[in-house]
PDB file of N, CA and C in Angstrom:
ATOM      1  N   MET A   1       3.892   2.855   9.573  1.00  0.00           N
ATOM      2  CA  MET A   1       2.859   2.211   8.743  1.00  0.00           C
ATOM      3  C   MET A   1       2.683   3.092   7.541  1.00  0.00           C
ATOM      4  N   GLU A   2       2.863   2.651   6.355  1.00  0.00           N
ATOM      5  CA  GLU A   2       2.675   3.292   5.003  1.00  0.00           C
ATOM      6  C   GLU A   2       1.358   3.602   4.739  1.00  0.00           C
ATOM      7  N   THR A   3       0.996   4.772   4.185  1.00  0.00           N
ATOM      8  CA  THR A   3      -0.312   5.172   3.669  1.00  0.00           C
ATOM      9  C   THR A   3      -0.322   5.147   2.188  1.00  0.00           C
ATOM     10  N   HIS A   4      -1.110   4.066   1.670  1.00  0.00           N
ATOM     11  CA  HIS A   4      -1.252   3.917   0.185  1.00  0.00           C
ATOM     12  C   HIS A   4      -2.420   4.647  -0.342  1.00  0.00           C
ATOM     13  N   CYS A   5      -2.586   4.821  -1.508  1.00  0.00           N
ATOM     14  CA  CYS A   5      -3.609   5.726  -2.201  1.00  0.00           C
ATOM     15  C   CYS A   5      -4.991   5.035  -1.989  1.00  0.00           C
ATOM     16  N   CYS A   6      -5.047   3.650  -1.844  1.00  0.00           N
ATOM     17  CA  CYS A   6      -6.542   2.991  -1.705  1.00  0.00           C
ATOM     18  C   CYS A   6      -6.205   1.793  -1.154  1.00  0.00           C
ATOM     19  N   GLU A   7      -7.463   1.144  -0.670  1.00  0.00           N
ATOM     20  CA  GLU A   7      -7.447  -0.200   0.070  1.00  0.00           C
ATOM     21  C   GLU A   7      -6.915  -1.284  -0.832  1.00  0.00           C
ATOM     22  N   ASP A   8      -7.259  -1.199  -2.210  1.00  0.00           N
ATOM     23  CA  ASP A   8      -6.838  -2.307  -2.971  1.00  0.00           C
ATOM     24  C   ASP A   8      -5.276  -2.332  -3.088  1.00  0.00           C
ATOM     25  N   MET A   9      -4.583  -0.979  -3.285  1.00  0.00           N
ATOM     26  CA  MET A   9      -3.056  -0.978  -3.283  1.00  0.00           C
ATOM     27  C   MET A   9      -2.507  -1.497  -1.997  1.00  0.00           C
ATOM     28  N   ARG A  10      -3.087  -0.934  -0.832  1.00  0.00           N
ATOM     29  CA  ARG A  10      -2.561  -1.448   0.305  1.00  0.00           C
ATOM     30  C   ARG A  10      -2.609  -3.074   0.611  1.00  0.00           C
ATOM     31  N   ARG A  11      -3.841  -3.651   0.110  1.00  0.00           N
ATOM     32  CA  ARG A  11      -3.934  -4.951   0.274  1.00  0.00           C
ATOM     33  C   ARG A  11      -2.852  -5.760  -0.728  1.00  0.00           C
ATOM     34  N   GLU A  12      -2.626  -5.277  -1.872  1.00  0.00           N
ATOM     35  CA  GLU A  12      -1.764  -5.836  -2.746  1.00  0.00           C
ATOM     36  C   GLU A  12      -0.218  -5.802  -2.208  1.00  0.00           C
ATOM     37  N   VAL A  13       0.129  -4.660  -1.770  1.00  0.00           N
ATOM     38  CA  VAL A  13       1.490  -4.508  -1.472  1.00  0.00           C
ATOM     39  C   VAL A  13       1.799  -5.298  -0.145  1.00  0.00           C
ATOM     40  N   GLU A  14       0.797  -5.465   0.698  1.00  0.00           N
ATOM     41  CA  GLU A  14       0.989  -6.312   1.898  1.00  0.00           C
ATOM     42  C   GLU A  14       0.685  -7.796   1.744  1.00  0.00           C
ATOM     43  N   ARG A  15       0.431  -8.188   0.734  1.00  0.00           N
ATOM     44  CA  ARG A  15      -0.001  -9.627   0.346  1.00  0.00           C
ATOM     45  C   ARG A  15       1.001 -10.527   0.768  1.00  0.00           C
ATOM     46  N   VAL A  16       0.660 -11.593   1.568  1.00  0.00           N
ATOM     47  CA  VAL A  16       1.688 -12.533   1.940  1.00  0.00           C
ATOM     48  C   VAL A  16       1.116 -14.071   1.477  1.00  0.00           C
ATOM     49  N   CYS A  17       2.104 -14.669   0.966  1.00  0.00           N
ATOM     50  CA  CYS A  17       1.706 -15.923   0.419  1.00  0.00           C
ATOM     51  C   CYS A  17       2.379 -17.195   1.318  1.00  0.00           C
ATOM     52  N   ASP A  18       1.621 -18.077   1.708  1.00  0.00           N
ATOM     53  CA  ASP A  18       1.959 -19.388   2.433  1.00  0.00           C
ATOM     54  C   ASP A  18       2.949 -20.202   1.799  1.00  0.00           C
ATOM     55  N   GLN A  19       2.814 -20.141   0.468  1.00  0.00           N
ATOM     56  CA  GLN A  19       3.558 -21.195  -0.364  1.00  0.00           C
ATOM     57  C   GLN A  19       4.806 -20.541  -0.963  1.00  0.00           C
ATOM     58  N   HIS A  20       4.765 -19.191  -1.010  1.00  0.00           N
ATOM     59  CA  HIS A  20       6.115 -18.617  -1.655  1.00  0.00           C
ATOM     60  C   HIS A  20       6.550 -17.430  -0.730  1.00  0.00           C
ATOM     61  N   PRO A  21       7.544 -17.763  -0.105  1.00  0.00           N
ATOM     62  CA  PRO A  21       8.164 -16.759   0.879  1.00  0.00           C
ATOM     63  C   PRO A  21       8.642 -15.607   0.124  1.00  0.00           C
ATOM     64  N   ASP A  22       9.117 -15.696  -1.077  1.00  0.00           N
ATOM     65  CA  ASP A  22       9.632 -14.727  -2.000  1.00  0.00           C
ATOM     66  C   ASP A  22       8.560 -14.180  -2.771  1.00  0.00           C
ATOM     67  N   ARG A  23       8.145 -12.858  -2.727  1.00  0.00           N
ATOM     68  CA  ARG A  23       6.977 -12.338  -3.598  1.00  0.00           C
ATOM     69  C   ARG A  23       7.114 -12.566  -5.016  1.00  0.00           C
ATOM     70  N   PHE A  24       8.508 -12.470  -5.451  1.00  0.00           N
ATOM     71  CA  PHE A  24       8.777 -12.710  -6.937  1.00  0.00           C
ATOM     72  C   PHE A  24       8.333 -14.103  -7.454  1.00  0.00           C
ATOM     73  N   ASP A  25       8.299 -15.010  -6.566  1.00  0.00           N
ATOM     74  CA  ASP A  25       7.913 -16.380  -7.059  1.00  0.00           C
ATOM     75  C   ASP A  25       6.482 -16.696  -6.843  1.00  0.00           C
ATOM     76  N   CYS A  26       5.633 -15.815  -6.297  1.00  0.00           N
ATOM     77  CA  CYS A  26       4.355 -16.038  -6.171  1.00  0.00           C
ATOM     78  C   CYS A  26       3.475 -15.342  -7.327  1.00  0.00           C
ATOM     79  N   PRO A  27       2.701 -16.075  -7.973  1.00  0.00           N
ATOM     80  CA  PRO A  27       2.143 -15.539  -9.263  1.00  0.00           C
ATOM     81  C   PRO A  27       0.761 -14.692  -8.759  1.00  0.00           C
ATOM     82  N   ASP A  28       0.404 -14.651  -7.514  1.00  0.00           N
ATOM     83  CA  ASP A  28      -0.588 -13.861  -7.088  1.00  0.00           C
ATOM     84  C   ASP A  28      -0.112 -12.434  -6.613  1.00  0.00           C
ATOM     85  N   CYS A  29       1.073 -12.264  -6.261  1.00  0.00           N
ATOM     86  CA  CYS A  29       1.690 -11.004  -5.861  1.00  0.00           C
ATOM     87  C   CYS A  29       1.922 -10.207  -7.149  1.00  0.00           C
ATOM     88  N   LEU A  30       1.250  -9.132  -7.288  1.00  0.00           N
ATOM     89  CA  LEU A  30       1.422  -8.396  -8.542  1.00  0.00           C
ATOM     90  C   LEU A  30       2.229  -7.089  -8.433  1.00  0.00           C
ATOM     91  N   VAL A  31       1.966  -6.394  -7.276  1.00  0.00           N
ATOM     92  CA  VAL A  31       2.667  -5.171  -7.051  1.00  0.00           C
ATOM     93  C   VAL A  31       3.582  -5.154  -5.846  1.00  0.00           C
ATOM     94  N   GLY A  32       4.596  -4.528  -5.991  1.00  0.00           N
ATOM     95  CA  GLY A  32       5.505  -4.336  -4.828  1.00  0.00           C
ATOM     96  C   GLY A  32       5.688  -2.989  -4.481  1.00  0.00           C
ATOM     97  N   TYR A  33       6.262  -2.650  -3.161  1.00  0.00           N
ATOM     98  CA  TYR A  33       6.417  -1.220  -2.780  1.00  0.00           C
ATOM     99  C   TYR A  33       7.692  -1.209  -2.143  1.00  0.00           C
ATOM    100  N   SER A  34       8.495  -0.250  -2.435  1.00  0.00           N
ATOM    101  CA  SER A  34       9.744  -0.050  -1.772  1.00  0.00           C
ATOM    102  C   SER A  34       9.660   1.332  -0.874  1.00  0.00           C
ATOM    103  N   PRO A  35       9.601   1.198   0.495  1.00  0.00           N
ATOM    104  CA  PRO A  35       9.462   2.464   1.251  1.00  0.00           C
ATOM    105  C   PRO A  35      10.776   3.304   1.234  1.00  0.00           C
ATOM    106  N   ARG A  36      11.792   2.637   0.975  1.00  0.00           N
ATOM    107  CA  ARG A  36      13.043   3.377   1.056  1.00  0.00           C
ATOM    108  C   ARG A  36      13.103   4.405  -0.311  1.00  0.00           C
ATOM    109  N   PHE A  37      12.543   3.859  -1.314  1.00  0.00           N
ATOM    110  CA  PHE A  37      12.501   4.739  -2.536  1.00  0.00           C
ATOM    111  C   PHE A  37      11.125   5.406  -2.890  1.00  0.00           C
ATOM    112  N   ARG A  38      10.233   4.883  -1.990  1.00  0.00           N
ATOM    113  CA  ARG A  38       8.812   5.370  -2.268  1.00  0.00           C
ATOM    114  C   ARG A  38       8.335   5.038  -3.554  1.00  0.00           C
ATOM    115  N   GLU A  39       8.678   3.807  -4.004  1.00  0.00           N
ATOM    116  CA  GLU A  39       8.258   3.421  -5.414  1.00  0.00           C
ATOM    117  C   GLU A  39       7.265   2.082  -5.389  1.00  0.00           C
ATOM    118  N   TYR A  40       6.308   2.226  -6.329  1.00  0.00           N
ATOM    119  CA  TYR A  40       5.589   1.175  -6.579  1.00  0.00           C
ATOM    120  C   TYR A  40       5.902   0.394  -7.973  1.00  0.00           C
ATOM    121  N   GLY A  41       5.826  -0.800  -8.096  1.00  0.00           N
ATOM    122  CA  GLY A  41       6.155  -1.456  -9.388  1.00  0.00           C
ATOM    123  C   GLY A  41       5.480  -2.825  -9.481  1.00  0.00           C
ATOM    124  N   LEU A  42       5.213  -3.041 -10.808  1.00  0.00           N
ATOM    125  CA  LEU A  42       4.579  -4.445 -11.152  1.00  0.00           C
ATOM    126  C   LEU A  42       5.637  -5.409 -11.193  1.00  0.00           C
ATOM    127  N   LEU A  43       5.524  -6.556 -10.519  1.00  0.00           N
ATOM    128  CA  LEU A  43       6.369  -7.720 -10.477  1.00  0.00           C
ATOM    129  C   LEU A  43       6.370  -8.493 -11.788  1.00  0.00           C
ATOM    130  N   ILE A  44       7.512  -8.759 -12.225  1.00  0.00           N
ATOM    131  CA  ILE A  44       7.673  -9.494 -13.383  1.00  0.00           C
ATOM    132  C   ILE A  44       8.071 -10.934 -13.166  1.00  0.00           C
ATOM    133  N   HIS A  45       7.206 -11.728 -13.258  1.00  0.00           N
ATOM    134  CA  HIS A  45       7.427 -13.196 -12.738  1.00  0.00           C
ATOM    135  C   HIS A  45       8.114 -14.048 -13.900  1.00  0.00           C
ATOM    136  N   ASP A  46       9.388 -13.860 -14.020  1.00  0.00           N
ATOM    137  CA  ASP A  46      10.188 -14.497 -15.069  1.00  0.00           C
ATOM    138  C   ASP A  46      11.360 -15.292 -14.410  1.00  0.00           C
ATOM    139  N   GLY A  47      11.289 -15.588 -13.139  1.00  0.00           N
ATOM    140  CA  GLY A  47      12.206 -16.417 -12.465  1.00  0.00           C
ATOM    141  C   GLY A  47      13.236 -15.510 -11.836  1.00  0.00           C
ATOM    142  N   GLY A  48      13.166 -14.296 -11.920  1.00  0.00           N
ATOM    143  CA  GLY A  48      14.121 -13.228 -11.240  1.00  0.00           C
ATOM    144  C   GLY A  48      13.487 -12.255 -10.288  1.00  0.00           C
ATOM    145  N   SER A  49      14.149 -11.107 -10.271  1.00  0.00           N
ATOM    146  CA  SER A  49      13.491 -10.082  -9.333  1.00  0.00           C
ATOM    147  C   SER A  49      13.234  -8.774 -10.147  1.00  0.00           C
ATOM    148  N   SER A  50      12.828  -8.941 -11.402  1.00  0.00           N
ATOM    149  CA  SER A  50      12.560  -7.768 -12.190  1.00  0.00           C
ATOM    150  C   SER A  50      11.129  -7.258 -11.724  1.00  0.00           C
ATOM    151  N   TRP A  51      11.100  -5.804 -12.009  1.00  0.00           N
ATOM    152  CA  TRP A  51       9.873  -5.198 -11.754  1.00  0.00           C
ATOM    153  C   TRP A  51       9.850  -4.033 -12.817  1.00  0.00           C
ATOM    154  N   MET A  52       8.695  -3.352 -12.858  1.00  0.00           N
ATOM    155  CA  MET A  52       8.598  -2.166 -13.766  1.00  0.00           C
ATOM    156  C   MET A  52       7.858  -1.133 -12.821  1.00  0.00           C
ATOM    157  N   CYS A  53       8.566   0.140 -12.722  1.00  0.00           N
ATOM    158  CA  CYS A  53       8.024   1.043 -11.860  1.00  0.00           C
ATOM    159  C   CYS A  53       6.745   1.521 -12.451  1.00  0.00           C
ATOM    160  N   ILE A  54       5.774   1.874 -11.620  1.00  0.00           N
ATOM    161  CA  ILE A  54       4.467   2.439 -12.192  1.00  0.00           C
ATOM    162  C   ILE A  54       4.245   3.907 -11.522  1.00  0.00           C
ATOM    163  N   ARG A  55       3.575   4.746 -12.115  1.00  0.00           N
ATOM    164  CA  ARG A  55       3.282   6.111 -11.606  1.00  0.00           C
ATOM    165  C   ARG A  55       1.893   6.302 -11.146  1.00  0.00           C
ATOM    166  N   TYR A  56       1.031   5.572 -11.664  1.00  0.00           N
ATOM    167  CA  TYR A  56      -0.425   5.604 -11.334  1.00  0.00           C
ATOM    168  C   TYR A  56      -0.896   4.234 -10.799  1.00  0.00           C
ATOM    169  N   CYS A  57      -1.975   4.360  -9.866  1.00  0.00           N
ATOM    170  CA  CYS A  57      -2.404   3.242  -9.236  1.00  0.00           C
ATOM    171  C   CYS A  57      -3.350   2.383 -10.236  1.00  0.00           C
ATOM    172  N   PRO A  58      -3.049   1.146 -10.346  1.00  0.00           N
ATOM    173  CA  PRO A  58      -3.894   0.204 -11.317  1.00  0.00           C
ATOM    174  C   PRO A  58      -5.417   0.204 -10.939  1.00  0.00           C
ATOM    175  N   TRP A  59      -5.736   0.504  -9.565  1.00  0.00           N
ATOM    176  CA  TRP A  59      -7.035   0.359  -9.145  1.00  0.00           C
ATOM    177  C   TRP A  59      -7.812   1.647  -9.075  1.00  0.00           C
ATOM    178  N   CYS A  60      -7.164   2.628  -8.431  1.00  0.00           N
ATOM    179  CA  CYS A  60      -7.987   3.887  -8.338  1.00  0.00           C
ATOM    180  C   CYS A  60      -7.552   5.113  -9.388  1.00  0.00           C
ATOM    181  N   GLY A  61      -6.511   4.711  -9.962  1.00  0.00           N
ATOM    182  CA  GLY A  61      -5.945   5.798 -10.905  1.00  0.00           C
ATOM    183  C   GLY A  61      -5.139   6.982 -10.328  1.00  0.00           C
ATOM    184  N   SER A  62      -4.998   7.091  -9.092  1.00  0.00           N
ATOM    185  CA  SER A  62      -4.166   8.113  -8.344  1.00  0.00           C
ATOM    186  C   SER A  62      -2.844   8.160  -8.696  1.00  0.00           C
ATOM    187  N   LEU A  63      -2.338   9.268  -8.933  1.00  0.00           N
ATOM    188  CA  LEU A  63      -0.947   9.488  -9.231  1.00  0.00           C
ATOM    189  C   LEU A  63      -0.051   9.191  -7.973  1.00  0.00           C
ATOM    190  N   LEU A  64       0.783   8.289  -8.158  1.00  0.00           N
ATOM    191  CA  LEU A  64       1.617   7.696  -6.881  1.00  0.00           C
ATOM    192  C   LEU A  64       2.893   8.793  -6.637  1.00  0.00           C
ATOM    193  N   PRO A  65       3.304   8.681  -5.571  1.00  0.00           N
ATOM    194  CA  PRO A  65       4.297   9.774  -5.101  1.00  0.00           C
ATOM    195  C   PRO A  65       5.574   9.578  -5.994  1.00  0.00           C
ATOM    196  N   GLU A  66       6.323  10.754  -6.088  1.00  0.00           N
ATOM    197  CA  GLU A  66       7.555  10.715  -6.886  1.00  0.00           C
ATOM    198  C   GLU A  66       8.558   9.906  -6.094  1.00  0.00           C
ATOM    199  N   SER A  67       9.406   9.145  -6.989  1.00  0.00           N
ATOM    200  CA  SER A  67      10.382   8.360  -6.463  1.00  0.00           C
ATOM    201  C   SER A  67      11.452   9.275  -5.738  1.00  0.00           C
ATOM    202  N   LEU A  68      12.046   8.537  -4.652  1.00  0.00           N
ATOM    203  CA  LEU A  68      13.153   9.207  -3.858  1.00  0.00           C
ATOM    204  C   LEU A  68      14.515   8.646  -4.447  1.00  0.00           C
ATOM    205  N   ARG A  69      14.469   7.858  -5.389  1.00  0.00           N
ATOM    206  CA  ARG A  69      15.784   7.068  -5.799  1.00  0.00           C
ATOM    207  C   ARG A  69      16.780   8.102  -6.080  1.00  0.00           C
ATOM    208  N   GLY A  70      16.573   9.047  -6.920  1.00  0.00           N
ATOM    209  CA  GLY A  70      17.738  10.125  -7.169  1.00  0.00           C
ATOM    210  C   GLY A  70      18.149  10.778  -6.021  1.00  0.00           C
ATOM    211  N   GLN A  71      17.270  11.132  -5.072  1.00  0.00           N
ATOM    212  CA  GLN A  71      17.661  11.625  -3.888  1.00  0.00           C
ATOM    213  C   GLN A  71      18.515  10.950  -2.920  1.00  0.00           C
ATOM    214  N   ASP A  72      18.273   9.649  -2.990  1.00  0.00           N
ATOM    215  CA  ASP A  72      18.865   8.619  -2.138  1.00  0.00           C
ATOM    216  C   ASP A  72      20.370   8.525  -2.804  1.00  0.00           C
ATOM    217  N   ALA A  73      20.530   8.415  -4.089  1.00  0.00           N
ATOM    218  CA  ALA A  73      21.748   8.253  -4.563  1.00  0.00           C
ATOM    219  C   ALA A  73      22.622   9.539  -4.428  1.00  0.00           C
ATOM    220  N   GLU A  74      22.063  10.556  -4.318  1.00  0.00           N
ATOM    221  CA  GLU A  74      22.824  11.885  -4.102  1.00  0.00           C
ATOM    222  C   GLU A  74      23.310  11.976  -2.613  1.00  0.00           C
ATOM    223  N   ARG A  75      22.485  11.261  -1.850  1.00  0.00           N
ATOM    224  CA  ARG A  75      23.108  11.280  -0.336  1.00  0.00           C
ATOM    225  C   ARG A  75      24.088  10.170  -0.156  1.00  0.00           C
ATOM    226  N   GLY A  76      24.265   9.353  -1.274  1.00  0.00           N
ATOM    227  CA  GLY A  76      25.309   8.206  -1.020  1.00  0.00           C
ATOM    228  C   GLY A  76      24.878   7.009  -0.166  1.00  0.00           C
ATOM    229  N   ALA A  77      23.614   6.947  -0.182  1.00  0.00           N
ATOM    230  CA  ALA A  77      23.041   5.782   0.577  1.00  0.00           C
ATOM    231  C   ALA A  77      23.431   4.435  -0.020  1.00  0.00           C
ATOM    232  N   ALA A  78      23.666   4.286  -1.303  1.00  0.00           N
ATOM    233  CA  ALA A  78      24.225   2.961  -1.859  1.00  0.00           C
ATOM    234  C   ALA A  78      25.629   2.944  -2.034  1.00  0.00           C
ATOM    235  N   ALA A  79      26.422   3.675  -1.158  1.00  0.00           N
ATOM    236  CA  ALA A  79      27.870   3.756  -1.416  1.00  0.00           C
ATOM    237  C   ALA A  79      28.682   2.510  -0.758  1.00  0.00           C
ATOM    238  N   ASP A  80      27.791   1.667  -0.217  1.00  0.00           N
ATOM    239  CA  ASP A  80      28.485   0.481   0.331  1.00  0.00           C
ATOM    240  C   ASP A  80      28.828  -0.617  -0.749  1.00  0.00           C
ATOM    241  N   GLY A  81      28.477  -0.291  -2.119  1.00  0.00           N
ATOM    242  CA  GLY A  81      28.888  -1.405  -3.120  1.00  0.00           C
ATOM    243  C   GLY A  81      27.935  -2.442  -3.345  1.00  0.00           C
ATOM    244  N   ARG A  82      26.937  -2.490  -2.445  1.00  0.00           N
ATOM    245  CA  ARG A  82      25.963  -3.681  -2.563  1.00  0.00           C
ATOM    246  C   ARG A  82      24.892  -3.466  -3.789  1.00  0.00           C
ATOM    247  N   GLY A  83      24.726  -2.239  -4.210  1.00  0.00           N
ATOM    248  CA  GLY A  83      23.761  -1.871  -5.043  1.00  0.00           C
ATOM    249  C   GLY A  83      22.346  -1.693  -4.430  1.00  0.00           C
ATOM    250  N   THR A  84      21.391  -1.659  -5.205  1.00  0.00           N
ATOM    251  CA  THR A  84      19.936  -1.497  -4.616  1.00  0.00           C
ATOM    252  C   THR A  84      18.984  -2.522  -5.214  1.00  0.00           C
ATOM    253  N   GLU A  85      18.224  -3.099  -4.531  1.00  0.00           N
ATOM    254  CA  GLU A  85      17.088  -3.824  -4.785  1.00  0.00           C
ATOM    255  C   GLU A  85      15.731  -3.242  -4.353  1.00  0.00           C
ATOM    256  N   PRO A  86      15.007  -2.606  -5.261  1.00  0.00           N
ATOM    257  CA  PRO A  86      13.867  -1.819  -4.787  1.00  0.00           C
ATOM    258  C   PRO A  86      12.823  -2.602  -3.707  1.00  0.00           C
ATOM    259  N   PHE A  87      12.585  -3.831  -3.750  1.00  0.00           N
ATOM    260  CA  PHE A  87      11.580  -4.409  -3.057  1.00  0.00           C
ATOM    261  C   PHE A  87      12.341  -5.240  -1.932  1.00  0.00           C
ATOM    262  N   ARG A  88      13.539  -5.242  -1.773  1.00  0.00           N
ATOM    263  CA  ARG A  88      14.267  -5.999  -0.849  1.00  0.00           C
ATOM    264  C   ARG A  88      15.021  -5.119  -0.053  1.00  0.00           C
ATOM    265  N   ASP A  89      14.415  -4.119   0.569  1.00  0.00           N
ATOM    266  CA  ASP A  89      15.080  -3.082   1.483  1.00  0.00           C
ATOM    267  C   ASP A  89      15.622  -3.744   2.771  1.00  0.00           C
ATOM    268  N   VAL A  90      16.662  -3.352   3.178  1.00  0.00           N
ATOM    269  CA  VAL A  90      17.405  -3.891   4.270  1.00  0.00           C
ATOM    270  C   VAL A  90      16.950  -3.091   5.506  1.00  0.00           C
TER     271      VAL A  90
END
């Protein structure tokens, strides 16, 4: 179980929508979290799966953890050629 900076952040990254199985399709889902990369991001609802990484919590202002993305690439975790999608971890 992930520990987030505040209750508002936890509630937002765990939000589930009955009408939209894909968080990127739901206008009520605002923030996503990638445990693989330890990244938080604002979901961009433009019909795709775009997002913008954030460094501070929009609710409590806490500095969010540093991303592991560079470390993951150094370990060769994405070497299978599929690329990475931050909020669609396998």
